[in-house]
Protein backbone atom coordinates (compact mmCIF):
# COMPACT_ATOMS: atom_id res chain seq x y z
CA MET A 1 -16.96 0.93 33.09
CA ASP A 2 -19.97 1.41 30.33
CA ASN A 3 -18.27 2.49 27.02
CA GLY A 4 -21.27 2.23 25.09
CA LEU A 5 -20.18 -0.87 23.07
CA GLU A 6 -22.55 -3.80 22.78
CA PRO A 7 -21.84 -7.04 20.74
CA LYS A 8 -22.38 -7.45 17.22
CA PHE A 9 -23.38 -10.27 15.23
CA LEU A 10 -21.43 -10.22 11.93
CA ILE A 11 -21.10 -12.92 9.02
CA CYS A 12 -17.84 -14.19 8.06
CA THR A 13 -17.00 -13.52 4.07
CA GLU A 14 -15.16 -16.98 4.00
CA CYS A 15 -17.48 -19.40 5.74
CA ASN A 16 -20.83 -17.30 5.86
CA GLU A 17 -21.29 -18.30 9.65
CA GLU A 18 -22.44 -15.88 12.08
CA PHE A 19 -19.81 -14.49 14.67
CA VAL A 20 -19.79 -12.36 17.50
CA PHE A 21 -17.64 -9.22 17.78
CA THR A 22 -17.30 -9.10 21.58
CA ILE A 23 -16.88 -5.92 23.36
CA GLN A 24 -13.50 -7.14 24.23
CA ALA A 25 -12.67 -7.57 20.70
CA GLN A 26 -14.09 -3.75 20.00
CA GLU A 27 -12.05 -2.53 22.41
CA TYR A 28 -8.97 -4.32 21.37
CA PHE A 29 -9.73 -3.08 17.70
CA ALA A 30 -10.46 0.53 18.61
CA GLU A 31 -6.90 0.64 20.94
CA ARG A 32 -4.94 -0.25 17.66
CA GLY A 33 -6.83 2.05 15.31
CA TYR A 34 -8.66 -0.16 13.28
CA SER A 35 -11.85 1.52 11.88
CA GLU A 36 -13.61 -1.60 10.11
CA ASP A 37 -15.04 -4.40 11.80
CA PRO A 38 -13.62 -7.82 11.25
CA LYS A 39 -14.53 -9.49 8.07
CA ARG A 40 -13.66 -13.24 8.83
CA CYS A 41 -14.41 -15.35 12.08
CA LYS A 42 -11.37 -16.37 14.48
CA SER A 43 -11.16 -20.04 12.61
CA CYS A 44 -11.20 -18.38 9.06
CA HIS A 45 -9.09 -15.47 10.07
CA THR A 46 -6.35 -17.83 11.51
CA LEU A 47 -6.64 -20.14 8.14
CA TYR A 48 -6.21 -17.08 6.11
CA LYS A 49 -3.15 -15.57 8.28
CA LYS A 50 -1.53 -19.18 7.82
CA GLY A 51 -1.97 -19.02 4.26
CA GLN A 52 -0.49 -15.57 4.07
CA ARG A 53 2.94 -17.04 5.50
CA GLY A 54 2.72 -19.49 2.94
CA GLY A 55 0.89 -22.10 5.07
CA LYS A 56 4.17 -23.84 6.31
CA PRO A 57 4.77 -23.85 9.83
CA ARG A 58 8.08 -22.35 10.79
CA GLN A 59 11.21 -24.58 11.11
CA GLN A 60 14.40 -24.02 13.33
CA THR A 61 17.64 -24.38 11.61
CA ALA A 62 20.03 -26.24 12.91
CA MET A 63 23.61 -24.69 12.83
CA GLN A 64 25.70 -26.78 10.61
CA TYR A 65 29.44 -26.71 11.04
CA PRO A 66 32.08 -27.78 8.67
CA ASP A 67 33.76 -31.19 8.72
């Protein structure tokens, strides 16, 4: 299937490193209606998302029963 897409080389806004926006990733973005290319590499995106959630891993709370 030739969709006319080619891998893009982008610069991460966080670490300033070059990363590849693959054809598969471009298709994923298009399926979800995203119109802009990603601004962060995968590593920085993961760190950013963790920061958005408060940076704390999810903990399961144990059910506490009255004595």
